[in-house]
């Protein structure tokens, strides 16, 4: 049991509502910030208990901010905890948040959990996360709930939206002009998917380089020496396969085992 889970289980202060498996995820990605001067924003203040939990976990140097649409959430303000009232799907409000709050070390989206809210929040606030910061969006199971705008494989769900991040993370290797390196590619070090949670860890990421060291080698595998028709046939088949792979890639057609 980590310190966050212990705090949750022993909590006698403001109400906290969390899934039990989240605490391991939090501690894994947040522990490096403990005792440091950080800025944390949690969207979805609820009863304010989680904000008190973060304050206890990170220490007195941490500045904790919360966002909620309920004006009554201002009541949970205390030393080092400040609340802003507004909707996370309101782009103008989020732009104002950026003006009022310093860049975030940690951003936790535990707000309304609709697809629109999660996507708008990412688009407006991800760029305000520090170059070595963490963006965490939780309760992603709503991507499978129709009342939240989700549904299995439904276009526009946050899960489907976020799958594009995997491509962007690997964009340095693209051979296509239509898919180029983005600011996401150059600023993100890793993406972590858990049950109902997505964690994006930022770190300046230049184009990868490749090299080798050492001097001792084993012999290359010997392939049979082909002659005549067999040599011609093998070369022709390989050439055809390469050409067909390139051709079918234009239409993004799926082929068994990944090639023609």
C-alpha atoms as a PDB file:
ATOM      1  CA  UNK A   1       0.000   0.000   0.000  1.00  0.00           C
ATOM      2  CA  UNK A   2       1.524   3.331  -1.040  1.00  0.00           C
ATOM      3  CA  UNK A   3       1.085   6.642   0.789  1.00  0.00           C
ATOM      4  CA  UNK A   4      -1.785   7.786  -1.406  1.00  0.00           C
ATOM      5  CA  UNK A   5      -3.775   4.620  -0.810  1.00  0.00           C
ATOM      6  CA  UNK A   6      -3.048   4.803   2.925  1.00  0.00           C
ATOM      7  CA  UNK A   7      -4.272   8.409   3.023  1.00  0.00           C
ATOM      8  CA  UNK A   8      -7.433   7.430   1.125  1.00  0.00           C
ATOM      9  CA  UNK A   9      -8.215   4.522   3.453  1.00  0.00           C
ATOM     10  CA  UNK A  10      -7.650   6.593   6.580  1.00  0.00           C
ATOM     11  CA  UNK A  11      -9.337   9.756   5.263  1.00  0.00           C
ATOM     12  CA  UNK A  12     -11.603  11.544   7.750  1.00  0.00           C
ATOM     13  CA  UNK A  13     -11.577  14.882   5.934  1.00  0.00           C
ATOM     14  CA  UNK A  14     -13.314  15.884   2.685  1.00  0.00           C
ATOM     15  CA  UNK A  15     -14.840  13.128   0.550  1.00  0.00           C
ATOM     16  CA  UNK A  16     -12.628  11.411  -2.056  1.00  0.00           C
ATOM     17  CA  UNK A  17     -14.049   9.166  -4.797  1.00  0.00           C
ATOM     18  CA  UNK A  18     -11.405   7.074  -6.604  1.00  0.00           C
ATOM     19  CA  UNK A  19     -11.115   3.636  -8.178  1.00  0.00           C
ATOM     20  CA  UNK A  20      -8.819   1.476  -6.057  1.00  0.00           C
ATOM     21  CA  UNK A  21      -6.377   0.585  -8.853  1.00  0.00           C
ATOM     22  CA  UNK A  22      -5.637   4.257  -9.588  1.00  0.00           C
ATOM     23  CA  UNK A  23      -3.364   4.735  -6.570  1.00  0.00           C
ATOM     24  CA  UNK A  24      -0.591   2.542  -7.950  1.00  0.00           C
ATOM     25  CA  UNK A  25      -0.715   4.498 -11.221  1.00  0.00           C
ATOM     26  CA  UNK A  26      -0.560   7.844  -9.423  1.00  0.00           C
ATOM     27  CA  UNK A  27       2.383   6.827  -7.289  1.00  0.00           C
ATOM     28  CA  UNK A  28       4.290   5.364 -10.241  1.00  0.00           C
ATOM     29  CA  UNK A  29       4.128   8.583 -12.256  1.00  0.00           C
ATOM     30  CA  UNK A  30       3.919  11.241  -9.533  1.00  0.00           C
ATOM     31  CA  UNK A  31       6.378  10.101  -6.846  1.00  0.00           C
ATOM     32  CA  UNK A  32       9.318  11.927  -8.457  1.00  0.00           C
ATOM     33  CA  UNK A  33       7.601  15.261  -7.730  1.00  0.00           C
ATOM     34  CA  UNK A  34       7.219  14.782  -3.972  1.00  0.00           C
ATOM     35  CA  UNK A  35       8.701  17.516  -1.836  1.00  0.00           C
ATOM     36  CA  UNK A  36       9.290  19.781  -4.836  1.00  0.00           C
ATOM     37  CA  UNK A  37       7.850  23.149  -5.855  1.00  0.00           C
ATOM     38  CA  UNK A  38       5.270  21.977  -8.356  1.00  0.00           C
ATOM     39  CA  UNK A  39       2.013  23.131  -9.883  1.00  0.00           C
ATOM     40  CA  UNK A  40      -0.801  20.572 -10.049  1.00  0.00           C
ATOM     41  CA  UNK A  41      -4.173  21.070 -11.698  1.00  0.00           C
ATOM     42  CA  UNK A  42      -7.034  18.646 -11.162  1.00  0.00           C
ATOM     43  CA  UNK A  43     -10.148  19.112 -13.267  1.00  0.00           C
ATOM     44  CA  UNK A  44     -13.180  17.900 -11.353  1.00  0.00           C
ATOM     45  CA  UNK A  45     -12.974  19.186  -7.775  1.00  0.00           C
ATOM     46  CA  UNK A  46     -16.010  17.250  -6.511  1.00  0.00           C
ATOM     47  CA  UNK A  47     -15.894  17.481  -2.684  1.00  0.00           C
ATOM     48  CA  UNK A  48     -12.290  18.651  -2.544  1.00  0.00           C
ATOM     49  CA  UNK A  49     -10.911  15.551  -0.842  1.00  0.00           C
ATOM     50  CA  UNK A  50      -8.531  14.607  -3.626  1.00  0.00           C
ATOM     51  CA  UNK A  51      -7.033  18.110  -3.588  1.00  0.00           C
ATOM     52  CA  UNK A  52      -6.278  17.679   0.112  1.00  0.00           C
ATOM     53  CA  UNK A  53      -4.794  14.284  -0.694  1.00  0.00           C
ATOM     54  CA  UNK A  54      -2.451  15.793  -3.300  1.00  0.00           C
ATOM     55  CA  UNK A  55      -1.442  18.526  -0.840  1.00  0.00           C
ATOM     56  CA  UNK A  56      -0.563  15.915   1.754  1.00  0.00           C
ATOM     57  CA  UNK A  57       1.284  13.719  -0.761  1.00  0.00           C
ATOM     58  CA  UNK A  58       3.405  16.392  -2.452  1.00  0.00           C
ATOM     59  CA  UNK A  59       4.048  18.605   0.559  1.00  0.00           C
ATOM     60  CA  UNK A  60       3.851  22.286   1.430  1.00  0.00           C
ATOM     61  CA  UNK A  61       5.834  23.441  -1.619  1.00  0.00           C
ATOM     62  CA  UNK A  62       3.133  22.258  -4.031  1.00  0.00           C
ATOM     63  CA  UNK A  63       0.564  24.663  -5.455  1.00  0.00           C
ATOM     64  CA  UNK A  64      -2.712  22.826  -5.999  1.00  0.00           C
ATOM     65  CA  UNK A  65      -5.403  24.104  -8.368  1.00  0.00           C
ATOM     66  CA  UNK A  66      -8.843  22.710  -9.044  1.00  0.00           C
ATOM     67  CA  UNK A  67     -11.443  23.379 -11.735  1.00  0.00           C
ATOM     68  CA  UNK A  68     -15.132  22.655 -11.385  1.00  0.00           C
ATOM     69  CA  UNK A  69     -18.391  23.890 -12.876  1.00  0.00           C
ATOM     70  CA  UNK A  70     -20.073  23.952  -9.461  1.00  0.00           C
ATOM     71  CA  UNK A  71     -19.673  27.403  -7.823  1.00  0.00           C
ATOM     72  CA  UNK A  72     -19.954  25.783  -4.373  1.00  0.00           C
ATOM     73  CA  UNK A  73     -16.560  24.173  -4.918  1.00  0.00           C
ATOM     74  CA  UNK A  74     -14.967  27.503  -3.975  1.00  0.00           C
ATOM     75  CA  UNK A  75     -15.686  26.416  -0.398  1.00  0.00           C
ATOM     76  CA  UNK A  76     -12.878  23.851  -0.522  1.00  0.00           C
ATOM     77  CA  UNK A  77     -10.190  26.498  -0.974  1.00  0.00           C
ATOM     78  CA  UNK A  78      -7.517  26.573   1.708  1.00  0.00           C
ATOM     79  CA  UNK A  79      -3.805  27.322   1.963  1.00  0.00           C
ATOM     80  CA  UNK A  80      -2.069  26.230  -1.272  1.00  0.00           C
ATOM     81  CA  UNK A  81      -5.393  25.122  -2.806  1.00  0.00           C
ATOM     82  CA  UNK A  82      -7.172  27.435  -5.247  1.00  0.00           C
ATOM     83  CA  UNK A  83     -10.375  26.747  -7.194  1.00  0.00           C
ATOM     84  CA  UNK A  84     -11.442  28.146 -10.567  1.00  0.00           C
ATOM     85  CA  UNK A  85     -15.079  27.858 -11.618  1.00  0.00           C
ATOM     86  CA  UNK A  86     -15.877  27.089 -15.248  1.00  0.00           C
ATOM     87  CA  UNK A  87     -16.573  24.402 -17.829  1.00  0.00           C
ATOM     88  CA  UNK A  88     -13.760  22.266 -19.200  1.00  0.00           C
ATOM     89  CA  UNK A  89     -15.511  22.188 -22.578  1.00  0.00           C
ATOM     90  CA  UNK A  90     -15.399  26.001 -22.766  1.00  0.00           C
ATOM     91  CA  UNK A  91     -12.286  26.805 -24.797  1.00  0.00           C
ATOM     92  CA  UNK A  92     -12.360  30.479 -23.812  1.00  0.00           C
ATOM     93  CA  UNK A  93     -12.442  29.543 -20.134  1.00  0.00           C
ATOM     94  CA  UNK A  94      -9.503  27.159 -20.573  1.00  0.00           C
ATOM     95  CA  UNK A  95      -7.526  29.817 -22.423  1.00  0.00           C
ATOM     96  CA  UNK A  96      -8.084  32.069 -19.412  1.00  0.00           C
ATOM     97  CA  UNK A  97      -6.893  29.273 -17.104  1.00  0.00           C
ATOM     98  CA  UNK A  98      -3.575  29.265 -18.962  1.00  0.00           C
ATOM     99  CA  UNK A  99      -3.242  32.996 -18.325  1.00  0.00           C
ATOM    100  CA  UNK A 100      -3.913  32.677 -14.595  1.00  0.00           C
ATOM    101  CA  UNK A 101      -2.103  29.454 -13.665  1.00  0.00           C
ATOM    102  CA  UNK A 102       1.637  28.836 -14.196  1.00  0.00           C
ATOM    103  CA  UNK A 103       2.618  25.871 -16.421  1.00  0.00           C
ATOM    104  CA  UNK A 104       1.583  22.564 -14.876  1.00  0.00           C
ATOM    105  CA  UNK A 105       3.920  19.849 -13.666  1.00  0.00           C
ATOM    106  CA  UNK A 106       0.894  17.573 -13.383  1.00  0.00           C
ATOM    107  CA  UNK A 107      -2.536  17.820 -14.981  1.00  0.00           C
ATOM    108  CA  UNK A 108      -5.253  15.369 -13.952  1.00  0.00           C
ATOM    109  CA  UNK A 109      -8.475  15.286 -15.967  1.00  0.00           C
ATOM    110  CA  UNK A 110     -11.095  13.861 -13.609  1.00  0.00           C
ATOM    111  CA  UNK A 111     -13.875  16.146 -14.833  1.00  0.00           C
ATOM    112  CA  UNK A 112     -17.150  15.390 -16.552  1.00  0.00           C
ATOM    113  CA  UNK A 113     -15.730  12.494 -18.594  1.00  0.00           C
ATOM    114  CA  UNK A 114     -17.672  13.221 -21.799  1.00  0.00           C
ATOM    115  CA  UNK A 115     -15.814  12.843 -25.073  1.00  0.00           C
ATOM    116  CA  UNK A 116     -16.113  16.545 -25.848  1.00  0.00           C
ATOM    117  CA  UNK A 117     -14.796  17.546 -22.419  1.00  0.00           C
ATOM    118  CA  UNK A 118     -11.785  15.236 -22.556  1.00  0.00           C
ATOM    119  CA  UNK A 119     -10.808  16.151 -26.106  1.00  0.00           C
ATOM    120  CA  UNK A 120     -11.249  19.918 -25.678  1.00  0.00           C
ATOM    121  CA  UNK A 121      -9.290  19.825 -22.416  1.00  0.00           C
ATOM    122  CA  UNK A 122      -6.397  17.992 -24.052  1.00  0.00           C
ATOM    123  CA  UNK A 123      -6.328  20.306 -27.053  1.00  0.00           C
ATOM    124  CA  UNK A 124      -6.342  23.456 -24.944  1.00  0.00           C
ATOM    125  CA  UNK A 125      -4.212  22.498 -21.938  1.00  0.00           C
ATOM    126  CA  UNK A 126      -1.680  19.873 -23.020  1.00  0.00           C
ATOM    127  CA  UNK A 127       0.615  22.555 -24.386  1.00  0.00           C
ATOM    128  CA  UNK A 128       0.656  24.237 -20.958  1.00  0.00           C
ATOM    129  CA  UNK A 129       2.115  21.137 -19.301  1.00  0.00           C
ATOM    130  CA  UNK A 130       5.820  21.658 -18.589  1.00  0.00           C
ATOM    131  CA  UNK A 131       8.403  19.980 -20.860  1.00  0.00           C
ATOM    132  CA  UNK A 132       9.032  17.356 -18.144  1.00  0.00           C
ATOM    133  CA  UNK A 133       5.437  17.208 -16.907  1.00  0.00           C
ATOM    134  CA  UNK A 134       2.695  14.588 -16.811  1.00  0.00           C
ATOM    135  CA  UNK A 135      -0.791  14.643 -18.334  1.00  0.00           C
ATOM    136  CA  UNK A 136      -3.211  12.099 -16.861  1.00  0.00           C
ATOM    137  CA  UNK A 137      -6.774  11.499 -18.033  1.00  0.00           C
ATOM    138  CA  UNK A 138      -8.828   9.070 -15.991  1.00  0.00           C
ATOM    139  CA  UNK A 139     -12.150   7.252 -16.123  1.00  0.00           C
ATOM    140  CA  UNK A 140     -11.628   6.400 -19.791  1.00  0.00           C
ATOM    141  CA  UNK A 141     -14.267   3.683 -19.486  1.00  0.00           C
ATOM    142  CA  UNK A 142     -16.763   6.382 -20.477  1.00  0.00           C
ATOM    143  CA  UNK A 143     -15.333   6.011 -23.999  1.00  0.00           C
ATOM    144  CA  UNK A 144     -17.438   2.841 -24.107  1.00  0.00           C
ATOM    145  CA  UNK A 145     -20.602   4.437 -22.692  1.00  0.00           C
ATOM    146  CA  UNK A 146     -23.035   5.909 -25.198  1.00  0.00           C
ATOM    147  CA  UNK A 147     -24.523   8.411 -22.765  1.00  0.00           C
ATOM    148  CA  UNK A 148     -21.102  10.082 -22.590  1.00  0.00           C
ATOM    149  CA  UNK A 149     -20.670  10.123 -26.353  1.00  0.00           C
ATOM    150  CA  UNK A 150     -18.661   6.914 -26.409  1.00  0.00           C
ATOM    151  CA  UNK A 151     -19.144   3.411 -27.761  1.00  0.00           C
ATOM    152  CA  UNK A 152     -16.853   0.576 -28.836  1.00  0.00           C
ATOM    153  CA  UNK A 153     -14.751   1.768 -31.791  1.00  0.00           C
ATOM    154  CA  UNK A 154     -16.999   4.811 -32.020  1.00  0.00           C
ATOM    155  CA  UNK A 155     -15.374   7.613 -33.971  1.00  0.00           C
ATOM    156  CA  UNK A 156     -14.912  10.623 -31.747  1.00  0.00           C
ATOM    157  CA  UNK A 157     -14.490   8.784 -28.460  1.00  0.00           C
ATOM    158  CA  UNK A 158     -11.477   9.858 -26.432  1.00  0.00           C
ATOM    159  CA  UNK A 159     -10.011   6.360 -26.675  1.00  0.00           C
ATOM    160  CA  UNK A 160     -10.164   6.442 -30.477  1.00  0.00           C
ATOM    161  CA  UNK A 161      -8.899  10.037 -30.483  1.00  0.00           C
ATOM    162  CA  UNK A 162      -5.945   9.160 -28.262  1.00  0.00           C
ATOM    163  CA  UNK A 163      -4.899   6.193 -30.401  1.00  0.00           C
ATOM    164  CA  UNK A 164      -3.536   8.772 -32.821  1.00  0.00           C
ATOM    165  CA  UNK A 165      -0.985   9.664 -30.143  1.00  0.00           C
ATOM    166  CA  UNK A 166       0.695   6.311 -30.765  1.00  0.00           C
ATOM    167  CA  UNK A 167       1.265   7.252 -34.393  1.00  0.00           C
ATOM    168  CA  UNK A 168       2.520  10.712 -33.456  1.00  0.00           C
ATOM    169  CA  UNK A 169       4.964   9.221 -30.960  1.00  0.00           C
ATOM    170  CA  UNK A 170       6.534   7.243 -33.827  1.00  0.00           C
ATOM    171  CA  UNK A 171       6.339   9.943 -36.514  1.00  0.00           C
ATOM    172  CA  UNK A 172      10.120  10.230 -36.827  1.00  0.00           C
ATOM    173  CA  UNK A 173      10.027   7.009 -38.831  1.00  0.00           C
ATOM    174  CA  UNK A 174       7.319   8.037 -41.287  1.00  0.00           C
ATOM    175  CA  UNK A 175       8.140   7.824 -44.997  1.00  0.00           C
ATOM    176  CA  UNK A 176       4.937   9.621 -46.016  1.00  0.00           C
ATOM    177  CA  UNK A 177       4.610  13.356 -46.602  1.00  0.00           C
ATOM    178  CA  UNK A 178       1.089  13.253 -45.229  1.00  0.00           C
ATOM    179  CA  UNK A 179       2.390  12.149 -41.819  1.00  0.00           C
ATOM    180  CA  UNK A 180       5.122  14.338 -40.408  1.00  0.00           C
ATOM    181  CA  UNK A 181       6.707  15.019 -37.031  1.00  0.00           C
ATOM    182  CA  UNK A 182       4.520  17.178 -34.755  1.00  0.00           C
ATOM    183  CA  UNK A 183       5.092  19.051 -31.527  1.00  0.00           C
ATOM    184  CA  UNK A 184       3.631  15.989 -29.798  1.00  0.00           C
ATOM    185  CA  UNK A 185       6.345  13.828 -31.367  1.00  0.00           C
ATOM    186  CA  UNK A 186       9.153  16.096 -30.244  1.00  0.00           C
ATOM    187  CA  UNK A 187       7.795  16.758 -26.743  1.00  0.00           C
ATOM    188  CA  UNK A 188       6.510  13.368 -25.556  1.00  0.00           C
ATOM    189  CA  UNK A 189       8.691  10.608 -24.170  1.00  0.00           C
ATOM    190  CA  UNK A 190       6.102   7.930 -23.417  1.00  0.00           C
ATOM    191  CA  UNK A 191       2.421   7.000 -23.404  1.00  0.00           C
ATOM    192  CA  UNK A 192       0.976   4.626 -20.827  1.00  0.00           C
ATOM    193  CA  UNK A 193      -2.452   2.991 -21.077  1.00  0.00           C
ATOM    194  CA  UNK A 194      -3.961   1.416 -17.993  1.00  0.00           C
ATOM    195  CA  UNK A 195      -7.461   0.239 -17.139  1.00  0.00           C
ATOM    196  CA  UNK A 196      -9.442   3.493 -17.570  1.00  0.00           C
ATOM    197  CA  UNK A 197      -6.343   5.726 -17.379  1.00  0.00           C
ATOM    198  CA  UNK A 198      -4.048   7.344 -19.941  1.00  0.00           C
ATOM    199  CA  UNK A 199      -0.751   8.873 -18.810  1.00  0.00           C
ATOM    200  CA  UNK A 200       1.411  10.968 -21.137  1.00  0.00           C
ATOM    201  CA  UNK A 201       4.905  11.787 -19.897  1.00  0.00           C
ATOM    202  CA  UNK A 202       6.548  14.743 -21.581  1.00  0.00           C
ATOM    203  CA  UNK A 203      10.265  15.151 -22.247  1.00  0.00           C
ATOM    204  CA  UNK A 204      12.032  16.894 -25.130  1.00  0.00           C
ATOM    205  CA  UNK A 205      12.524  14.100 -27.665  1.00  0.00           C
ATOM    206  CA  UNK A 206      14.796  14.791 -30.646  1.00  0.00           C
ATOM    207  CA  UNK A 207      15.016  12.455 -33.609  1.00  0.00           C
ATOM    208  CA  UNK A 208      16.446   9.109 -32.439  1.00  0.00           C
ATOM    209  CA  UNK A 209      19.909   8.089 -33.564  1.00  0.00           C
ATOM    210  CA  UNK A 210      21.255   4.597 -34.101  1.00  0.00           C
ATOM    211  CA  UNK A 211      24.800   3.259 -33.731  1.00  0.00           C
ATOM    212  CA  UNK A 212      26.649   0.113 -32.766  1.00  0.00           C
ATOM    213  CA  UNK A 213      29.677  -0.769 -30.701  1.00  0.00           C
ATOM    214  CA  UNK A 214      31.958  -3.786 -30.491  1.00  0.00           C
ATOM    215  CA  UNK A 215      34.181  -5.544 -33.019  1.00  0.00           C
ATOM    216  CA  UNK A 216      33.331  -9.243 -32.759  1.00  0.00           C
ATOM    217  CA  UNK A 217      30.817 -10.571 -35.277  1.00  0.00           C
ATOM    218  CA  UNK A 218      29.387 -13.942 -36.169  1.00  0.00           C
ATOM    219  CA  UNK A 219      29.212 -14.957 -39.828  1.00  0.00           C
ATOM    220  CA  UNK A 220      26.111 -13.941 -41.749  1.00  0.00           C
ATOM    221  CA  UNK A 221      23.598 -16.684 -42.423  1.00  0.00           C
ATOM    222  CA  UNK A 222      24.454 -18.509 -45.625  1.00  0.00           C
ATOM    223  CA  UNK A 223      21.655 -18.632 -48.138  1.00  0.00           C
ATOM    224  CA  UNK A 224      21.560 -21.213 -50.911  1.00  0.00           C
ATOM    225  CA  UNK A 225      23.209 -20.044 -54.096  1.00  0.00           C
ATOM    226  CA  UNK A 226      20.544 -20.020 -56.753  1.00  0.00           C
ATOM    227  CA  UNK A 227      21.117 -20.355 -60.439  1.00  0.00           C
ATOM    228  CA  UNK A 228      19.124 -20.018 -63.604  1.00  0.00           C
ATOM    229  CA  UNK A 229      15.376 -20.046 -63.332  1.00  0.00           C
ATOM    230  CA  UNK A 230      15.299 -20.352 -59.490  1.00  0.00           C
ATOM    231  CA  UNK A 231      17.432 -17.199 -59.112  1.00  0.00           C
ATOM    232  CA  UNK A 232      15.205 -15.334 -61.555  1.00  0.00           C
ATOM    233  CA  UNK A 233      12.060 -16.558 -59.804  1.00  0.00           C
ATOM    234  CA  UNK A 234      13.251 -15.515 -56.333  1.00  0.00           C
ATOM    235  CA  UNK A 235      14.257 -12.026 -57.462  1.00  0.00           C
ATOM    236  CA  UNK A 236      10.980 -11.594 -59.340  1.00  0.00           C
ATOM    237  CA  UNK A 237       8.879 -12.665 -56.349  1.00  0.00           C
ATOM    238  CA  UNK A 238      10.735 -10.295 -54.025  1.00  0.00           C
ATOM    239  CA  UNK A 239      10.425  -7.399 -56.450  1.00  0.00           C
ATOM    240  CA  UNK A 240       6.703  -8.071 -56.912  1.00  0.00           C
ATOM    241  CA  UNK A 241       6.147  -8.220 -53.149  1.00  0.00           C
ATOM    242  CA  UNK A 242       7.878  -4.869 -52.613  1.00  0.00           C
ATOM    243  CA  UNK A 243       5.935  -3.220 -55.434  1.00  0.00           C
ATOM    244  CA  UNK A 244       2.591  -4.582 -54.218  1.00  0.00           C
ATOM    245  CA  UNK A 245       3.276  -3.499 -50.640  1.00  0.00           C
ATOM    246  CA  UNK A 246       3.921   0.043 -51.852  1.00  0.00           C
ATOM    247  CA  UNK A 247       0.867  -0.013 -54.123  1.00  0.00           C
ATOM    248  CA  UNK A 248      -1.552  -1.337 -51.524  1.00  0.00           C
ATOM    249  CA  UNK A 249      -0.219   1.127 -48.935  1.00  0.00           C
ATOM    250  CA  UNK A 250      -1.673   3.915 -51.057  1.00  0.00           C
ATOM    251  CA  UNK A 251      -5.123   2.499 -50.384  1.00  0.00           C
ATOM    252  CA  UNK A 252      -4.316   1.523 -46.767  1.00  0.00           C
ATOM    253  CA  UNK A 253      -5.503  -2.001 -47.484  1.00  0.00           C
ATOM    254  CA  UNK A 254      -4.927  -4.578 -44.744  1.00  0.00           C
ATOM    255  CA  UNK A 255      -3.084  -7.771 -45.652  1.00  0.00           C
ATOM    256  CA  UNK A 256      -2.544 -10.850 -43.592  1.00  0.00           C
ATOM    257  CA  UNK A 257       0.768 -10.789 -41.689  1.00  0.00           C
ATOM    258  CA  UNK A 258       1.274  -7.169 -42.662  1.00  0.00           C
ATOM    259  CA  UNK A 259       2.373  -7.578 -46.252  1.00  0.00           C
ATOM    260  CA  UNK A 260       1.295  -8.758 -49.666  1.00  0.00           C
END
